Amino acid sequence: MSSFDRKIYYYRLDGMEFIYRRGKELYYPPHNHTSIYTVGIVLDGEVMVSRKGKNGTYTKGMCFAFPPYELHSLKSEKEHELLTVCIDKKFLEKGVDKNAGEKSLFYDLERRIRENPEQEITIEELAKEVFMSEYHFIRVFKETVGLTPHRFLMQRRIRKAQRLLENGCPPAAVAFDAGFYDQSHFNKQFKYWLGITPMEYKAASVHANCNPDCFAGDGSAKGGNELGEEI
C-alpha cells in the first residue's frame, strides 16, 4: 500500500453508521456498544483486534464483528484502510416479535446513564438504588455491562458529544452539554477515546443544521469526574 495522508469519513443512515479511516495510527481503547452490532472490514494493511482477552491481527480482505456489550479494542501502527459498519439492533429487530422479560435493575441503571450521560451522578447514589456497597456495585456493574461505571459514563458522554458535533455545534458548547467539566477535560477524553480531536471529528462528519438546544446556559462547566475515577 502506498503512503497517503490520514483520512476519516463518517456517514449515518437510519439505524446504521459507516466509518472509513485510513492512515498509520489507530487506537480505540477497550470499550463496548450496548445496542450496536459492529462489523469491521480491513480494506488494506493490518489492524490488531483485542477481544475476550485475546489479540488477533486482521489483514487485507479480513473482517471481524462484535455483538452488543462485548468489550473490544482496536490498534494499528502501520498503514491501513478500515471500514466499520455499526448497526443498531433495533434496526435488525424491526418486525421481530420478542418475549423479553423484565429488565434487571442494572440494565435499568445502564439505560438511564446511556440516555442521560450529561447528568451528574455518583457511585454512592447508584449503589444505594440497588442496595449494594460501592465496591460490590462497581464489581457487579462491570460483570453485567462490561465496563466500570466511570468508563461506561465517559463512553456515553463521548457518544453524545459526537452527535452534537455532527449537528454543527461548537466544541465549547458540546463540552458543557455532554457533561464534561471544562474544555480541556473534553478534548483530552475525546482524543483518548476516538484518537482525533473534537475539531477533527467535526470537520470529518457529515453536518446537519446546528440544533439550538446544544447551546446551554452561559457555557460554564458542569459534570466531570463524579464517579471518582480518572483516565
Protein backbone atom coordinates (compact mmCIF):
# COMPACT_ATOMS: atom_id res chain seq x y z
CA MET A 1 0.00 0.00 0.00
CA SER A 2 1.46 3.35 -0.98
CA SER A 3 1.89 6.08 1.60
CA PHE A 4 -1.01 8.52 1.97
CA ASP A 5 -2.39 11.15 4.32
CA ARG A 6 -4.80 10.23 7.08
CA LYS A 7 -8.44 10.35 6.04
CA ILE A 8 -11.53 9.86 8.20
CA TYR A 9 -15.13 9.92 6.99
CA TYR A 10 -18.38 9.36 8.89
CA TYR A 11 -21.76 8.75 7.32
CA ARG A 12 -25.01 7.95 9.10
CA LEU A 13 -28.27 6.43 7.90
CA ASP A 14 -31.33 5.44 9.89
CA GLY A 15 -30.12 2.65 12.17
CA MET A 16 -26.65 2.43 10.60
CA GLU A 17 -23.32 4.26 10.73
CA PHE A 18 -20.36 3.93 8.36
CA ILE A 19 -16.85 4.94 9.39
CA TYR A 20 -13.98 4.91 6.90
CA ARG A 21 -10.47 5.70 8.03
CA ARG A 22 -7.01 5.28 6.61
CA GLY A 23 -3.61 6.23 7.95
CA LYS A 24 -0.75 4.88 10.03
CA GLU A 25 -2.05 5.23 13.58
CA LEU A 26 -5.23 3.76 15.02
CA TYR A 27 -6.17 3.20 18.64
CA TYR A 28 -9.57 2.64 20.20
CA PRO A 29 -9.21 1.76 23.92
CA PRO A 30 -11.29 -1.06 25.45
CA HIS A 31 -14.97 -0.19 25.02
CA ASN A 32 -18.30 -1.73 24.08
CA HIS A 33 -21.56 -0.83 22.35
CA THR A 34 -24.73 -1.50 24.31
CA SER A 35 -27.14 -1.58 21.39
CA ILE A 36 -24.88 -1.86 18.34
CA TYR A 37 -23.59 -4.72 16.22
CA THR A 38 -20.20 -3.74 14.79
CA VAL A 39 -18.59 -5.15 11.65
CA GLY A 40 -15.08 -4.15 10.57
CA ILE A 41 -13.59 -4.80 7.13
CA VAL A 42 -9.85 -4.34 6.58
CA LEU A 43 -9.51 -2.90 3.07
CA ASP A 44 -5.71 -2.70 3.20
CA GLY A 45 -2.85 -3.06 5.66
CA GLU A 46 -3.44 -4.67 9.04
CA VAL A 47 -5.34 -3.98 12.26
CA MET A 48 -4.90 -5.66 15.66
CA VAL A 49 -8.13 -6.55 17.42
CA SER A 50 -8.36 -7.42 21.12
CA ARG A 51 -11.44 -9.22 22.44
CA LYS A 52 -12.13 -11.60 25.31
CA GLY A 53 -8.53 -11.25 26.47
CA LYS A 54 -7.06 -12.39 23.14
CA ASN A 55 -5.33 -10.44 20.36
CA GLY A 56 -5.68 -11.13 16.65
CA THR A 57 -4.21 -9.48 13.57
CA TYR A 58 -6.57 -8.85 10.66
CA THR A 59 -5.13 -8.13 7.21
CA LYS A 60 -6.50 -7.06 3.81
CA GLY A 61 -9.76 -8.79 2.97
CA MET A 62 -10.46 -9.99 6.52
CA CYS A 63 -13.38 -8.88 8.68
CA PHE A 64 -14.38 -9.01 12.35
CA ALA A 65 -17.64 -8.47 14.22
CA PHE A 66 -18.72 -7.60 17.77
CA PRO A 67 -22.18 -8.14 19.28
CA PRO A 68 -23.62 -5.64 21.79
CA TYR A 69 -21.82 -5.47 25.15
CA GLU A 70 -18.69 -7.32 24.00
CA LEU A 71 -15.59 -5.48 25.24
CA HIS A 72 -13.02 -4.88 22.49
CA SER A 73 -10.21 -2.59 21.34
CA LEU A 74 -8.51 -1.80 18.01
CA LYS A 75 -4.94 -0.78 17.28
CA SER A 76 -2.65 -0.30 14.30
CA GLU A 77 0.76 1.32 13.93
CA LYS A 78 1.04 0.54 10.21
CA GLU A 79 -0.64 1.96 7.14
CA HIS A 80 -4.17 0.65 6.90
CA GLU A 81 -7.63 1.22 5.49
CA LEU A 82 -10.58 0.20 7.64
CA LEU A 83 -14.31 0.36 7.01
CA THR A 84 -16.51 -0.06 10.09
CA VAL A 85 -20.27 -0.56 9.91
CA CYS A 86 -22.31 -0.06 13.10
CA ILE A 87 -25.86 -1.42 13.02
CA ASP A 88 -28.41 -0.62 15.72
CA LYS A 89 -30.00 -3.82 16.99
CA LYS A 90 -33.42 -2.12 16.84
CA PHE A 91 -32.88 -1.79 13.08
CA LEU A 92 -32.20 -5.53 12.83
CA GLU A 93 -35.10 -6.44 15.09
CA LYS A 94 -37.80 -4.49 13.27
CA GLY A 95 -40.82 -6.70 12.78
CA VAL A 96 -39.48 -9.41 15.10
CA ASP A 97 -41.72 -10.44 17.99
CA LYS A 98 -39.79 -10.84 21.22
CA ASN A 99 -40.94 -12.06 24.61
CA ALA A 100 -38.43 -10.04 26.57
CA GLY A 101 -38.57 -10.38 30.33
CA GLU A 102 -38.41 -7.53 32.76
CA LYS A 103 -35.04 -5.79 32.73
CA SER A 104 -32.80 -6.16 35.73
CA LEU A 105 -32.04 -3.20 37.96
CA PHE A 106 -28.59 -2.96 36.43
CA TYR A 107 -29.91 -2.70 32.91
CA ASP A 108 -32.31 0.00 34.09
CA LEU A 109 -29.37 1.95 35.50
CA GLU A 110 -27.37 1.34 32.34
CA ARG A 111 -30.24 2.67 30.25
CA ARG A 112 -30.57 5.79 32.39
CA ILE A 113 -26.85 6.57 32.03
CA ARG A 114 -27.00 5.81 28.31
CA GLU A 115 -29.94 8.15 27.73
CA ASN A 116 -28.76 10.99 30.02
CA PRO A 117 -24.95 10.80 30.22
CA GLU A 118 -24.59 14.52 30.95
CA GLN A 119 -26.33 14.24 34.32
CA GLU A 120 -24.26 14.43 37.49
CA ILE A 121 -24.21 11.05 39.18
CA THR A 122 -22.13 9.30 41.83
CA ILE A 123 -21.28 5.71 42.64
CA GLU A 124 -22.81 6.22 46.08
CA GLU A 125 -26.18 7.20 44.59
CA LEU A 126 -26.25 4.30 42.14
CA ALA A 127 -25.18 1.74 44.74
CA LYS A 128 -27.94 2.85 47.11
CA GLU A 129 -30.55 2.30 44.41
CA VAL A 130 -29.65 -1.40 44.19
CA PHE A 131 -28.91 -1.77 47.92
CA MET A 132 -25.20 -2.56 47.50
CA SER A 133 -21.91 -1.30 48.83
CA GLU A 134 -20.00 0.88 46.39
CA TYR A 135 -17.29 -1.77 45.95
CA HIS A 136 -19.79 -4.55 45.25
CA PHE A 137 -21.79 -2.30 42.92
CA ILE A 138 -18.73 -1.50 40.77
CA ARG A 139 -17.85 -5.19 40.50
CA VAL A 140 -21.36 -6.34 39.56
CA PHE A 141 -21.90 -3.42 37.17
CA LYS A 142 -18.74 -4.36 35.28
CA GLU A 143 -19.79 -8.03 35.16
CA THR A 144 -23.22 -7.03 33.82
CA VAL A 145 -22.43 -4.19 31.42
CA GLY A 146 -18.80 -4.96 30.54
CA LEU A 147 -17.27 -1.68 31.76
CA THR A 148 -16.84 0.06 35.10
CA PRO A 149 -19.49 2.73 35.80
CA HIS A 150 -16.97 5.51 35.17
CA ARG A 151 -15.78 4.16 31.83
CA PHE A 152 -19.34 3.47 30.73
CA LEU A 153 -20.42 7.01 31.65
CA MET A 154 -17.42 8.52 29.86
CA GLN A 155 -18.12 6.40 26.78
CA ARG A 156 -21.72 7.62 26.68
CA ARG A 157 -20.64 11.26 27.10
CA ILE A 158 -18.24 10.90 24.20
CA ARG A 159 -21.01 9.46 22.03
CA LYS A 160 -23.35 12.30 22.92
CA ALA A 161 -20.55 14.73 22.06
CA GLN A 162 -20.18 13.04 18.66
CA ARG A 163 -23.84 13.62 17.85
CA LEU A 164 -23.66 17.29 18.87
CA LEU A 165 -20.53 17.86 16.79
CA GLU A 166 -22.20 16.20 13.81
CA ASN A 167 -25.02 18.72 14.16
CA GLY A 168 -22.53 21.56 13.84
CA CYS A 169 -22.36 22.56 17.50
CA PRO A 170 -19.13 24.30 18.61
CA PRO A 171 -16.82 22.21 20.85
CA ALA A 172 -17.13 24.64 23.77
CA ALA A 173 -20.91 24.16 23.89
CA VAL A 174 -20.54 20.42 23.34
CA ALA A 175 -18.19 20.09 26.32
CA PHE A 176 -20.86 21.62 28.56
CA ASP A 177 -23.87 19.75 27.16
CA ALA A 178 -22.14 16.36 27.19
CA GLY A 179 -21.27 16.70 30.90
CA PHE A 180 -17.54 17.49 30.89
CA TYR A 181 -16.31 19.95 33.48
CA ASP A 182 -14.18 22.02 31.11
CA GLN A 183 -12.93 22.22 27.52
CA SER A 184 -9.54 20.73 28.37
CA HIS A 185 -11.11 17.68 30.00
CA PHE A 186 -13.40 17.22 27.00
CA ASN A 187 -10.53 17.48 24.49
CA LYS A 188 -8.41 15.01 26.46
CA GLN A 189 -11.15 12.42 26.78
CA PHE A 190 -12.33 12.77 23.17
CA LYS A 191 -8.78 12.26 21.85
CA TYR A 192 -8.31 9.29 24.19
CA TRP A 193 -11.48 7.51 23.10
CA LEU A 194 -11.51 8.33 19.37
CA GLY A 195 -7.90 9.13 18.51
CA ILE A 196 -8.75 12.52 16.99
CA THR A 197 -9.66 15.94 18.38
CA PRO A 198 -13.24 17.26 18.51
CA MET A 199 -12.42 19.75 15.74
CA GLU A 200 -11.02 16.98 13.52
CA TYR A 201 -14.15 14.90 14.12
CA LYS A 202 -16.40 17.87 13.40
CA ALA A 203 -14.60 18.50 10.11
CA ALA A 204 -14.86 14.83 9.09
CA SER A 205 -18.57 14.49 9.86
CA VAL A 206 -21.49 14.99 7.52
CA HIS A 207 -23.14 18.02 9.09
CA ALA A 208 -26.77 18.86 9.59
CA ASN A 209 -28.04 22.24 10.77
CA CYS A 210 -26.96 23.00 14.31
CA ASN A 211 -29.55 22.22 16.96
CA PRO A 212 -30.05 25.36 19.05
CA ASP A 213 -30.63 23.18 22.11
CA CYS A 214 -26.91 22.42 22.12
CA PHE A 215 -26.18 25.95 23.36
CA ALA A 216 -26.92 25.60 27.06
CA GLY A 217 -26.75 28.36 29.64
CA ASP A 218 -23.70 30.59 29.65
CA GLY A 219 -21.23 27.85 28.69
CA SER A 220 -19.91 27.43 32.23
CA ALA A 221 -18.60 23.98 33.07
CA LYS A 222 -20.52 21.24 34.81
CA GLY A 223 -20.35 17.49 35.38
CA GLY A 224 -16.92 15.92 35.25
CA ASN A 225 -15.46 13.22 37.41
CA GLU A 226 -18.50 12.41 39.55
CA LEU A 227 -17.69 8.70 39.60
CA GLY A 228 -14.34 9.24 41.25
CA GLU A 229 -12.06 7.76 38.58
CA GLU A 230 -9.58 9.29 36.18
CA ILE A 231 -8.05 8.01 32.97
